[in-house]
Amino acid sequence: MHNVALTRRRTLLAGSVLGGAALLLTGCSENSGPGGGRKDADAVAAARLRGQAARDSAALLAHYDATLAAHPGLGERLRPLRAEVARHAAAFGGASPAPSTSAAPSTAPRAGASATPSASASAPSPAAPTVPTDEKQARADLATAERRTADARAAALVSAPPELARLLASVAAAGAAHAYLLTEDGA
């Protein structure tokens, strides 16, 4: 009888060891291994940052389009910058909007009125900003929007994965250059 009790204890001990080992092995599955949950969280965070950057670029495009519609004379100066912003939006996964064409005088918004951005029909377009009647002030407002967007992208670098951080840094630098070009007299 003594041998039977000892066998039961060994069986229970072996069962608990095997159960513990099985529990440890299932804890190390493909998705929950070291960094597995972290990788998923990083991917979600990167997608969120990328989506925000695409929305910011779309809002900036709307600002360029509204300014171009209100001030067709700025077309030569603004179109190259707008084209870069459109490329940035595409790089972040946003819809590639059609290039802006200067509005005909009959369709240009009145002072203080909103212009409709020329954006892709598949993506919701942000509301167009109010554009000042003074061209210099309109450029200054656009420069402020570029700076604000560049600053937001620079702040996002801290939490971005390396590949996205490089893209954010590059686009933030381009935005800072755009702001400078918009405030520069002449050109």
N, C-alpha and C. Protein backbone atom coordinates (compact mmCIF):
# COMPACT_ATOMS: atom_id res chain seq x y z
N MET A 1 0.82 -1.18 0.00
CA MET A 1 0.00 0.00 0.00
C MET A 1 0.86 1.25 0.00
N HIS A 2 1.94 1.15 0.68
CA HIS A 2 2.87 2.24 0.74
C HIS A 2 3.37 2.60 -0.66
N ASN A 3 3.59 1.63 -1.49
CA ASN A 3 4.05 1.87 -2.86
C ASN A 3 2.99 2.57 -3.71
N VAL A 4 1.76 2.28 -3.47
CA VAL A 4 0.68 2.90 -4.23
C VAL A 4 0.60 4.39 -3.93
N ALA A 5 0.72 4.78 -2.66
CA ALA A 5 0.68 6.19 -2.29
C ALA A 5 1.85 6.94 -2.89
N LEU A 6 3.00 6.31 -2.86
CA LEU A 6 4.18 6.94 -3.44
C LEU A 6 3.99 7.12 -4.94
N THR A 7 3.38 6.19 -5.60
CA THR A 7 3.13 6.30 -7.02
C THR A 7 2.16 7.44 -7.31
N ARG A 8 1.16 7.57 -6.48
CA ARG A 8 0.21 8.67 -6.67
C ARG A 8 0.89 10.02 -6.51
N ARG A 9 1.73 10.13 -5.49
CA ARG A 9 2.45 11.40 -5.30
C ARG A 9 3.32 11.71 -6.50
N ARG A 10 4.03 10.70 -6.96
CA ARG A 10 4.89 10.90 -8.14
C ARG A 10 4.06 11.29 -9.36
N THR A 11 2.93 10.65 -9.49
CA THR A 11 2.05 10.97 -10.63
C THR A 11 1.55 12.41 -10.54
N LEU A 12 1.12 12.80 -9.35
CA LEU A 12 0.66 14.17 -9.17
C LEU A 12 1.78 15.18 -9.39
N LEU A 13 2.95 14.87 -8.86
CA LEU A 13 4.10 15.75 -9.03
C LEU A 13 4.48 15.85 -10.51
N ALA A 14 4.55 14.71 -11.18
CA ALA A 14 4.89 14.71 -12.60
C ALA A 14 3.84 15.46 -13.41
N GLY A 15 2.57 15.28 -13.04
CA GLY A 15 1.49 15.98 -13.74
C GLY A 15 1.57 17.48 -13.57
N SER A 16 1.89 17.93 -12.36
CA SER A 16 1.98 19.37 -12.14
C SER A 16 3.19 19.96 -12.86
N VAL A 17 4.29 19.21 -12.89
CA VAL A 17 5.47 19.67 -13.62
C VAL A 17 5.16 19.76 -15.11
N LEU A 18 4.53 18.73 -15.64
CA LEU A 18 4.17 18.74 -17.07
C LEU A 18 3.16 19.84 -17.37
N GLY A 19 2.20 20.02 -16.47
CA GLY A 19 1.21 21.10 -16.66
C GLY A 19 1.87 22.47 -16.65
N GLY A 20 2.82 22.66 -15.72
CA GLY A 20 3.55 23.93 -15.67
C GLY A 20 4.39 24.15 -16.92
N ALA A 21 5.02 23.07 -17.39
CA ALA A 21 5.82 23.18 -18.61
C ALA A 21 4.94 23.49 -19.81
N ALA A 22 3.77 22.85 -19.86
CA ALA A 22 2.84 23.13 -20.97
C ALA A 22 2.38 24.58 -20.92
N LEU A 23 2.13 25.09 -19.72
CA LEU A 23 1.71 26.48 -19.57
C LEU A 23 2.81 27.42 -20.04
N LEU A 24 4.05 27.12 -19.68
CA LEU A 24 5.16 27.95 -20.13
C LEU A 24 5.32 27.89 -21.64
N LEU A 25 5.16 26.71 -22.21
CA LEU A 25 5.31 26.57 -23.66
C LEU A 25 4.21 27.33 -24.41
N THR A 26 2.99 27.29 -23.92
CA THR A 26 1.93 28.04 -24.60
C THR A 26 2.13 29.54 -24.43
N GLY A 27 2.79 29.96 -23.37
CA GLY A 27 3.09 31.37 -23.18
C GLY A 27 4.13 31.87 -24.15
N CYS A 28 4.85 30.99 -24.77
CA CYS A 28 5.90 31.36 -25.71
C CYS A 28 5.47 31.07 -27.14
N SER A 29 4.21 31.25 -27.44
CA SER A 29 3.75 31.03 -28.80
C SER A 29 4.25 32.15 -29.70
N GLU A 30 3.99 32.04 -30.97
CA GLU A 30 4.49 32.98 -31.96
C GLU A 30 4.05 34.42 -31.69
N ASN A 31 2.80 34.63 -31.33
CA ASN A 31 2.29 35.98 -31.13
C ASN A 31 2.61 36.58 -29.77
N SER A 32 2.86 35.74 -28.78
CA SER A 32 3.08 36.30 -27.46
C SER A 32 4.49 36.07 -26.96
N GLY A 33 5.40 35.77 -27.85
CA GLY A 33 6.79 35.57 -27.47
C GLY A 33 7.42 36.89 -27.08
N PRO A 34 8.70 36.85 -26.75
CA PRO A 34 9.37 38.08 -26.36
C PRO A 34 9.24 39.13 -27.46
N GLY A 35 8.57 40.22 -27.15
CA GLY A 35 8.40 41.29 -28.12
C GLY A 35 7.25 41.09 -29.06
N GLY A 36 6.58 39.94 -29.07
CA GLY A 36 5.47 39.69 -30.00
C GLY A 36 4.33 40.67 -29.78
N GLY A 37 3.91 40.80 -28.53
CA GLY A 37 2.85 41.76 -28.22
C GLY A 37 3.34 43.17 -28.44
N ARG A 38 4.60 43.41 -28.17
CA ARG A 38 5.20 44.73 -28.37
C ARG A 38 5.23 45.08 -29.85
N LYS A 39 5.55 44.07 -30.69
CA LYS A 39 5.58 44.31 -32.13
C LYS A 39 4.20 44.69 -32.64
N ASP A 40 3.18 44.02 -32.15
CA ASP A 40 1.81 44.35 -32.55
C ASP A 40 1.46 45.76 -32.10
N ALA A 41 1.81 46.10 -30.88
CA ALA A 41 1.52 47.44 -30.37
C ALA A 41 2.29 48.50 -31.16
N ASP A 42 3.54 48.20 -31.50
CA ASP A 42 4.34 49.13 -32.30
C ASP A 42 3.73 49.33 -33.69
N ALA A 43 3.23 48.23 -34.28
CA ALA A 43 2.62 48.33 -35.61
C ALA A 43 1.36 49.18 -35.56
N VAL A 44 0.57 49.02 -34.51
CA VAL A 44 -0.65 49.82 -34.36
C VAL A 44 -0.28 51.30 -34.16
N ALA A 45 0.72 51.56 -33.32
CA ALA A 45 1.15 52.94 -33.08
C ALA A 45 1.71 53.56 -34.36
N ALA A 46 2.48 52.80 -35.12
CA ALA A 46 3.04 53.32 -36.37
C ALA A 46 1.92 53.61 -37.37
N ALA A 47 0.92 52.74 -37.44
CA ALA A 47 -0.21 52.98 -38.35
C ALA A 47 -0.97 54.24 -37.93
N ARG A 48 -1.11 54.43 -36.62
CA ARG A 48 -1.80 55.62 -36.13
C ARG A 48 -1.01 56.88 -36.50
N LEU A 49 0.32 56.86 -36.30
CA LEU A 49 1.16 58.01 -36.65
C LEU A 49 1.12 58.28 -38.15
N ARG A 50 1.20 57.22 -38.93
CA ARG A 50 1.17 57.35 -40.39
C ARG A 50 -0.18 57.94 -40.84
N GLY A 51 -1.26 57.47 -40.24
CA GLY A 51 -2.59 58.00 -40.58
C GLY A 51 -2.72 59.46 -40.22
N GLN A 52 -2.20 59.84 -39.05
CA GLN A 52 -2.26 61.25 -38.63
C GLN A 52 -1.44 62.11 -39.59
N ALA A 53 -0.27 61.63 -39.98
CA ALA A 53 0.57 62.38 -40.91
C ALA A 53 -0.12 62.54 -42.26
N ALA A 54 -0.82 61.51 -42.71
CA ALA A 54 -1.56 61.60 -43.98
C ALA A 54 -2.69 62.62 -43.85
N ARG A 55 -3.41 62.62 -42.72
CA ARG A 55 -4.48 63.60 -42.50
C ARG A 55 -3.93 65.02 -42.42
N ASP A 56 -2.78 65.18 -41.77
CA ASP A 56 -2.15 66.50 -41.70
C ASP A 56 -1.77 66.99 -43.09
N SER A 57 -1.24 66.10 -43.91
CA SER A 57 -0.88 66.47 -45.28
C SER A 57 -2.13 66.84 -46.09
N ALA A 58 -3.23 66.10 -45.88
CA ALA A 58 -4.48 66.42 -46.58
C ALA A 58 -5.00 67.80 -46.17
N ALA A 59 -4.89 68.12 -44.89
CA ALA A 59 -5.32 69.44 -44.42
C ALA A 59 -4.44 70.54 -45.01
N LEU A 60 -3.14 70.26 -45.11
CA LEU A 60 -2.22 71.23 -45.70
C LEU A 60 -2.52 71.41 -47.19
N LEU A 61 -2.85 70.32 -47.88
CA LEU A 61 -3.23 70.42 -49.29
C LEU A 61 -4.49 71.27 -49.45
N ALA A 62 -5.45 71.09 -48.55
CA ALA A 62 -6.67 71.89 -48.60
C ALA A 62 -6.34 73.37 -48.43
N HIS A 63 -5.37 73.65 -47.56
CA HIS A 63 -4.96 75.05 -47.36
C HIS A 63 -4.31 75.60 -48.63
N TYR A 64 -3.44 74.81 -49.25
CA TYR A 64 -2.83 75.25 -50.52
C TYR A 64 -3.90 75.48 -51.58
N ASP A 65 -4.84 74.56 -51.70
CA ASP A 65 -5.88 74.68 -52.72
C ASP A 65 -6.75 75.91 -52.49
N ALA A 66 -7.10 76.16 -51.24
CA ALA A 66 -7.91 77.34 -50.93
C ALA A 66 -7.15 78.62 -51.24
N THR A 67 -5.86 78.63 -50.95
CA THR A 67 -5.04 79.81 -51.22
C THR A 67 -4.88 80.01 -52.73
N LEU A 68 -4.67 78.92 -53.46
CA LEU A 68 -4.56 79.02 -54.92
C LEU A 68 -5.86 79.49 -55.55
N ALA A 69 -6.99 79.04 -55.01
CA ALA A 69 -8.28 79.46 -55.54
C ALA A 69 -8.54 80.94 -55.26
N ALA A 70 -8.14 81.40 -54.09
CA ALA A 70 -8.37 82.80 -53.71
C ALA A 70 -7.36 83.74 -54.37
N HIS A 71 -6.16 83.25 -54.64
CA HIS A 71 -5.09 84.07 -55.21
C HIS A 71 -4.41 83.35 -56.36
N PRO A 72 -5.06 83.30 -57.52
CA PRO A 72 -4.47 82.59 -58.67
C PRO A 72 -3.09 83.13 -59.06
N GLY A 73 -2.81 84.38 -58.75
CA GLY A 73 -1.51 84.97 -59.07
C GLY A 73 -0.36 84.32 -58.32
N LEU A 74 -0.64 83.61 -57.26
CA LEU A 74 0.40 82.92 -56.50
C LEU A 74 0.69 81.52 -57.04
N GLY A 75 -0.01 81.14 -58.11
CA GLY A 75 0.11 79.79 -58.65
C GLY A 75 1.53 79.35 -58.95
N GLU A 76 2.29 80.20 -59.61
CA GLU A 76 3.66 79.84 -59.99
C GLU A 76 4.51 79.56 -58.75
N ARG A 77 4.26 80.28 -57.70
CA ARG A 77 5.04 80.13 -56.47
C ARG A 77 4.56 78.95 -55.62
N LEU A 78 3.25 78.71 -55.59
CA LEU A 78 2.69 77.71 -54.69
C LEU A 78 2.59 76.31 -55.27
N ARG A 79 2.41 76.19 -56.58
CA ARG A 79 2.19 74.86 -57.16
C ARG A 79 3.33 73.86 -56.89
N PRO A 80 4.60 74.27 -57.00
CA PRO A 80 5.67 73.29 -56.70
C PRO A 80 5.64 72.83 -55.23
N LEU A 81 5.34 73.75 -54.32
CA LEU A 81 5.26 73.39 -52.90
C LEU A 81 4.07 72.48 -52.65
N ARG A 82 2.95 72.78 -53.29
CA ARG A 82 1.76 71.97 -53.15
C ARG A 82 2.01 70.56 -53.69
N ALA A 83 2.73 70.47 -54.81
CA ALA A 83 3.04 69.17 -55.40
C ALA A 83 3.87 68.32 -54.42
N GLU A 84 4.80 68.96 -53.71
CA GLU A 84 5.58 68.22 -52.71
C GLU A 84 4.71 67.74 -51.57
N VAL A 85 3.79 68.59 -51.12
CA VAL A 85 2.88 68.20 -50.04
C VAL A 85 2.02 67.02 -50.48
N ALA A 86 1.61 67.01 -51.75
CA ALA A 86 0.83 65.88 -52.28
C ALA A 86 1.66 64.60 -52.27
N ARG A 87 2.94 64.70 -52.61
CA ARG A 87 3.83 63.53 -52.56
C ARG A 87 4.01 63.05 -51.12
N HIS A 88 4.07 63.99 -50.19
CA HIS A 88 4.19 63.61 -48.77
C HIS A 88 2.94 62.86 -48.33
N ALA A 89 1.78 63.34 -48.72
CA ALA A 89 0.53 62.66 -48.36
C ALA A 89 0.53 61.24 -48.91
N ALA A 90 0.97 61.08 -50.14
CA ALA A 90 1.03 59.75 -50.75
C ALA A 90 2.05 58.86 -50.02
N ALA A 91 3.17 59.43 -49.60
CA ALA A 91 4.18 58.66 -48.88
C ALA A 91 3.67 58.15 -47.54
N PHE A 92 2.75 58.89 -46.93
CA PHE A 92 2.17 58.48 -45.66
C PHE A 92 0.95 57.58 -45.86
N GLY A 93 0.62 57.30 -47.11
CA GLY A 93 -0.48 56.39 -47.38
C GLY A 93 -1.80 57.10 -47.63
N GLY A 94 -1.77 58.41 -47.73
CA GLY A 94 -2.99 59.17 -48.03
C GLY A 94 -3.31 59.09 -49.51
N ALA A 95 -4.50 59.50 -49.86
CA ALA A 95 -4.92 59.52 -51.26
C ALA A 95 -4.12 60.59 -52.00
N SER A 96 -3.77 60.30 -53.23
CA SER A 96 -3.07 61.28 -54.04
C SER A 96 -4.08 62.19 -54.71
N PRO A 97 -4.21 63.42 -54.22
CA PRO A 97 -5.17 64.33 -54.81
C PRO A 97 -4.70 64.81 -56.17
N ALA A 98 -5.66 65.22 -56.97
CA ALA A 98 -5.34 65.75 -58.29
C ALA A 98 -4.60 67.06 -58.13
N PRO A 99 -3.69 67.36 -59.06
CA PRO A 99 -2.99 68.64 -58.98
C PRO A 99 -3.98 69.79 -59.04
N SER A 100 -3.67 70.82 -58.30
CA SER A 100 -4.54 71.99 -58.26
C SER A 100 -4.34 72.82 -59.52
N THR A 101 -5.43 73.31 -60.02
CA THR A 101 -5.36 74.24 -61.13
C THR A 101 -5.89 75.56 -60.62
N SER A 102 -5.38 76.64 -61.15
CA SER A 102 -5.87 77.92 -60.64
C SER A 102 -7.32 78.09 -61.04
N ALA A 103 -8.08 78.59 -60.11
CA ALA A 103 -9.52 78.75 -60.32
C ALA A 103 -9.78 79.92 -61.25
N ALA A 104 -10.81 79.78 -62.01
CA ALA A 104 -11.22 80.89 -62.87
C ALA A 104 -11.76 81.99 -61.97
N PRO A 105 -11.65 83.25 -62.40
CA PRO A 105 -12.11 84.33 -61.55
C PRO A 105 -13.56 84.18 -61.09
N SER A 106 -14.42 83.58 -61.92
CA SER A 106 -15.82 83.45 -61.53
C SER A 106 -16.01 82.41 -60.42
N THR A 107 -15.07 81.47 -60.26
CA THR A 107 -15.22 80.44 -59.23
C THR A 107 -14.33 80.69 -58.02
N ALA A 108 -13.54 81.75 -58.05
CA ALA A 108 -12.68 82.05 -56.91
C ALA A 108 -13.53 82.50 -55.74
N PRO A 109 -13.19 82.08 -54.54
CA PRO A 109 -13.99 82.47 -53.39
C PRO A 109 -13.85 83.95 -53.07
N ARG A 110 -14.88 84.50 -52.49
CA ARG A 110 -14.82 85.89 -52.04
C ARG A 110 -13.89 85.96 -50.85
N ALA A 111 -13.48 87.16 -50.52
CA ALA A 111 -12.59 87.34 -49.36
C ALA A 111 -13.23 86.73 -48.13
N GLY A 112 -12.47 85.90 -47.43
CA GLY A 112 -12.97 85.28 -46.21
C GLY A 112 -13.80 84.04 -46.44
N ALA A 113 -14.13 83.72 -47.69
CA ALA A 113 -14.94 82.53 -47.97
C ALA A 113 -14.02 81.34 -48.14
N SER A 114 -14.59 80.17 -48.01
CA SER A 114 -13.81 78.95 -48.15
C SER A 114 -13.79 78.50 -49.59
N ALA A 115 -12.68 77.93 -49.99
CA ALA A 115 -12.57 77.32 -51.32
C ALA A 115 -12.69 75.82 -51.15
N THR A 116 -13.14 75.15 -52.17
CA THR A 116 -13.22 73.70 -52.07
C THR A 116 -11.92 73.10 -52.55
N PRO A 117 -11.31 72.22 -51.78
CA PRO A 117 -10.06 71.61 -52.20
C PRO A 117 -10.30 70.59 -53.30
N SER A 118 -9.32 70.42 -54.15
CA SER A 118 -9.42 69.39 -55.18
C SER A 118 -8.76 68.15 -54.63
N ALA A 119 -9.55 67.33 -53.96
CA ALA A 119 -9.03 66.11 -53.35
C ALA A 119 -9.70 64.91 -53.98
N SER A 120 -9.13 63.77 -53.72
CA SER A 120 -9.67 62.52 -54.24
C SER A 120 -11.06 62.28 -53.69
N ALA A 121 -11.96 61.78 -54.52
CA ALA A 121 -13.33 61.54 -54.09
C ALA A 121 -13.41 60.39 -53.08
N SER A 122 -12.40 59.52 -53.04
CA SER A 122 -12.44 58.38 -52.14
C SER A 122 -12.10 58.74 -50.71
N ALA A 123 -11.40 59.84 -50.49
CA ALA A 123 -11.01 60.23 -49.14
C ALA A 123 -11.80 61.45 -48.72
N PRO A 124 -12.22 61.48 -47.47
CA PRO A 124 -12.91 62.67 -47.01
C PRO A 124 -11.95 63.84 -47.01
N SER A 125 -12.39 64.97 -47.53
CA SER A 125 -11.49 66.11 -47.61
C SER A 125 -11.72 67.03 -46.41
N PRO A 126 -10.63 67.54 -45.86
CA PRO A 126 -10.77 68.44 -44.73
C PRO A 126 -11.42 69.75 -45.18
N ALA A 127 -12.03 70.42 -44.25
CA ALA A 127 -12.66 71.70 -44.55
C ALA A 127 -11.59 72.69 -44.98
N ALA A 128 -11.89 73.44 -46.02
CA ALA A 128 -10.94 74.42 -46.52
C ALA A 128 -10.88 75.60 -45.56
N PRO A 129 -9.69 76.10 -45.31
CA PRO A 129 -9.55 77.23 -44.40
C PRO A 129 -9.97 78.54 -45.07
N THR A 130 -10.22 79.52 -44.25
CA THR A 130 -10.51 80.85 -44.75
C THR A 130 -9.20 81.48 -45.17
N VAL A 131 -9.20 82.10 -46.35
CA VAL A 131 -7.98 82.68 -46.89
C VAL A 131 -8.10 84.21 -46.87
N PRO A 132 -7.11 84.90 -46.31
CA PRO A 132 -7.14 86.37 -46.31
C PRO A 132 -7.12 86.94 -47.72
N THR A 133 -7.66 88.13 -47.88
CA THR A 133 -7.68 88.77 -49.21
C THR A 133 -6.30 89.28 -49.61
N ASP A 134 -5.45 89.58 -48.64
CA ASP A 134 -4.11 90.06 -48.91
C ASP A 134 -3.20 88.88 -49.23
N GLU A 135 -2.52 88.91 -50.38
CA GLU A 135 -1.66 87.80 -50.80
C GLU A 135 -0.54 87.53 -49.80
N LYS A 136 0.07 88.59 -49.29
CA LYS A 136 1.18 88.41 -48.35
C LYS A 136 0.67 87.72 -47.07
N GLN A 137 -0.49 88.12 -46.59
CA GLN A 137 -1.06 87.49 -45.40
C GLN A 137 -1.47 86.04 -45.69
N ALA A 138 -1.96 85.78 -46.90
CA ALA A 138 -2.34 84.42 -47.29
C ALA A 138 -1.11 83.52 -47.28
N ARG A 139 0.02 84.03 -47.79
CA ARG A 139 1.27 83.27 -47.76
C ARG A 139 1.74 83.06 -46.33
N ALA A 140 1.61 84.08 -45.49
CA ALA A 140 2.02 83.96 -44.09
C ALA A 140 1.17 82.90 -43.36
N ASP A 141 -0.13 82.88 -43.65
CA ASP A 141 -1.00 81.86 -43.05
C ASP A 141 -0.59 80.45 -43.50
N LEU A 142 -0.26 80.34 -44.77
CA LEU A 142 0.18 79.05 -45.31
C LEU A 142 1.51 78.63 -44.66
N ALA A 143 2.40 79.60 -44.47
CA ALA A 143 3.68 79.31 -43.81
C ALA A 143 3.45 78.85 -42.37
N THR A 144 2.50 79.47 -41.69
CA THR A 144 2.17 79.06 -40.32
C THR A 144 1.64 77.62 -40.31
N ALA A 145 0.79 77.29 -41.27
CA ALA A 145 0.27 75.92 -41.37
C ALA A 145 1.40 74.93 -41.63
N GLU A 146 2.34 75.30 -42.49
CA GLU A 146 3.50 74.43 -42.77
C GLU A 146 4.33 74.23 -41.51
N ARG A 147 4.60 75.32 -40.76
CA ARG A 147 5.38 75.21 -39.53
C ARG A 147 4.69 74.34 -38.49
N ARG A 148 3.39 74.55 -38.33
CA ARG A 148 2.62 73.77 -37.35
C ARG A 148 2.67 72.28 -37.71
N THR A 149 2.53 71.96 -38.99
CA THR A 149 2.58 70.57 -39.43
C THR A 149 3.98 69.99 -39.25
N ALA A 150 5.01 70.76 -39.59
CA ALA A 150 6.39 70.30 -39.41
C ALA A 150 6.69 70.06 -37.93
N ASP A 151 6.20 70.94 -37.07
CA ASP A 151 6.43 70.77 -35.63
C ASP A 151 5.74 69.51 -35.10
N ALA A 152 4.54 69.25 -35.59
CA ALA A 152 3.82 68.04 -35.16
C ALA A 152 4.57 66.78 -35.60
N ARG A 153 5.12 66.82 -36.79
CA ARG A 153 5.88 65.66 -37.29
C ARG A 153 7.17 65.48 -36.51
N ALA A 154 7.82 66.57 -36.17
CA ALA A 154 9.05 66.47 -35.37
C ALA A 154 8.73 65.91 -33.99
N ALA A 155 7.62 66.30 -33.40
CA ALA A 155 7.23 65.78 -32.09
C ALA A 155 6.90 64.29 -32.15
N ALA A 156 6.38 63.84 -33.28
CA ALA A 156 6.01 62.43 -33.45
C ALA A 156 7.23 61.52 -33.60
N LEU A 157 8.38 62.09 -33.88
CA LEU A 157 9.60 61.29 -34.06
C LEU A 157 9.92 60.44 -32.84
N VAL A 158 9.63 60.95 -31.66
CA VAL A 158 9.98 60.26 -30.42
C VAL A 158 9.34 58.88 -30.34
N SER A 159 8.11 58.76 -30.79
CA SER A 159 7.40 57.49 -30.66
C SER A 159 7.32 56.70 -31.95
N ALA A 160 7.95 57.17 -33.01
CA ALA A 160 7.87 56.49 -34.31
C ALA A 160 8.95 55.42 -34.44
N PRO A 161 8.61 54.30 -35.12
CA PRO A 161 9.65 53.30 -35.42
C PRO A 161 10.66 53.91 -36.41
N PRO A 162 11.84 53.33 -36.50
CA PRO A 162 12.92 53.95 -37.29
C PRO A 162 12.57 54.36 -38.72
N GLU A 163 11.94 53.46 -39.47
CA GLU A 163 11.63 53.79 -40.87
C GLU A 163 10.67 54.98 -40.96
N LEU A 164 9.63 54.96 -40.15
CA LEU A 164 8.67 56.06 -40.15
C LEU A 164 9.30 57.33 -39.60
N ALA A 165 10.19 57.20 -38.62
CA ALA A 165 10.87 58.38 -38.05
C ALA A 165 11.70 59.08 -39.12
N ARG A 166 12.37 58.31 -39.96
CA ARG A 166 13.16 58.93 -41.04
C ARG A 166 12.26 59.68 -42.00
N LEU A 167 11.11 59.09 -42.35
CA LEU A 167 10.18 59.76 -43.25
C LEU A 167 9.62 61.02 -42.60
N LEU A 168 9.21 60.92 -41.34
CA LEU A 168 8.69 62.09 -40.63
C LEU A 168 9.72 63.21 -40.56
N ALA A 169 10.97 62.85 -40.27
CA ALA A 169 12.03 63.86 -40.17
C ALA A 169 12.26 64.54 -41.52
N SER A 170 12.28 63.76 -42.58
CA SER A 170 12.49 64.31 -43.92
C SER A 170 11.36 65.25 -44.31
N VAL A 171 10.13 64.83 -44.05
CA VAL A 171 8.98 65.65 -44.41
C VAL A 171 8.89 66.89 -43.51
N ALA A 172 9.27 66.75 -42.24
CA ALA A 172 9.29 67.92 -41.35
C ALA A 172 10.30 68.95 -41.84
N ALA A 173 11.45 68.48 -42.30
CA ALA A 173 12.47 69.39 -42.83
C ALA A 173 11.97 70.08 -44.09
N ALA A 174 11.28 69.33 -44.95
CA ALA A 174 10.72 69.93 -46.16
C ALA A 174 9.67 70.98 -45.79
N GLY A 175 8.86 70.70 -44.78
CA GLY A 175 7.85 71.66 -44.34
C GLY A 175 8.47 72.94 -43.81
N ALA A 176 9.56 72.80 -43.07
CA ALA A 176 10.27 73.98 -42.56
C ALA A 176 10.83 74.80 -43.73
N ALA A 177 11.34 74.12 -44.74
CA ALA A 177 11.84 74.82 -45.93
C ALA A 177 10.70 75.53 -46.66
N HIS A 178 9.55 74.86 -46.75
CA HIS A 178 8.38 75.49 -47.39
C HIS A 178 7.98 76.76 -46.64
N ALA A 179 7.97 76.67 -45.31
CA ALA A 179 7.61 77.85 -44.49
C ALA A 179 8.56 78.99 -44.77
N TYR A 180 9.84 78.70 -44.87
CA TYR A 180 10.83 79.73 -45.18
C TYR A 180 10.56 80.34 -46.56
N LEU A 181 10.34 79.49 -47.54
CA LEU A 181 10.10 79.98 -48.90
C LEU A 181 8.82 80.82 -49.01
N LEU A 182 7.82 80.46 -48.21
CA LEU A 182 6.56 81.20 -48.24
C LEU A 182 6.69 82.58 -47.60
N THR A 183 7.59 82.72 -46.64
CA THR A 183 7.75 84.01 -45.97
C THR A 183 8.82 84.87 -46.61
N GLU A 184 9.60 84.30 -47.50
CA GLU A 184 10.64 85.04 -48.19
C GLU A 184 9.99 86.00 -49.18
N ASP A 185 10.44 87.25 -49.18
CA ASP A 185 9.91 88.23 -50.14
C ASP A 185 10.49 87.99 -51.51
N GLY A 186 9.72 88.32 -52.52
CA GLY A 186 10.18 88.14 -53.90
C GLY A 186 9.99 86.71 -54.33
N ALA A 187 11.02 86.16 -54.92
CA ALA A 187 11.04 84.78 -55.44
C ALA A 187 9.82 84.52 -56.21
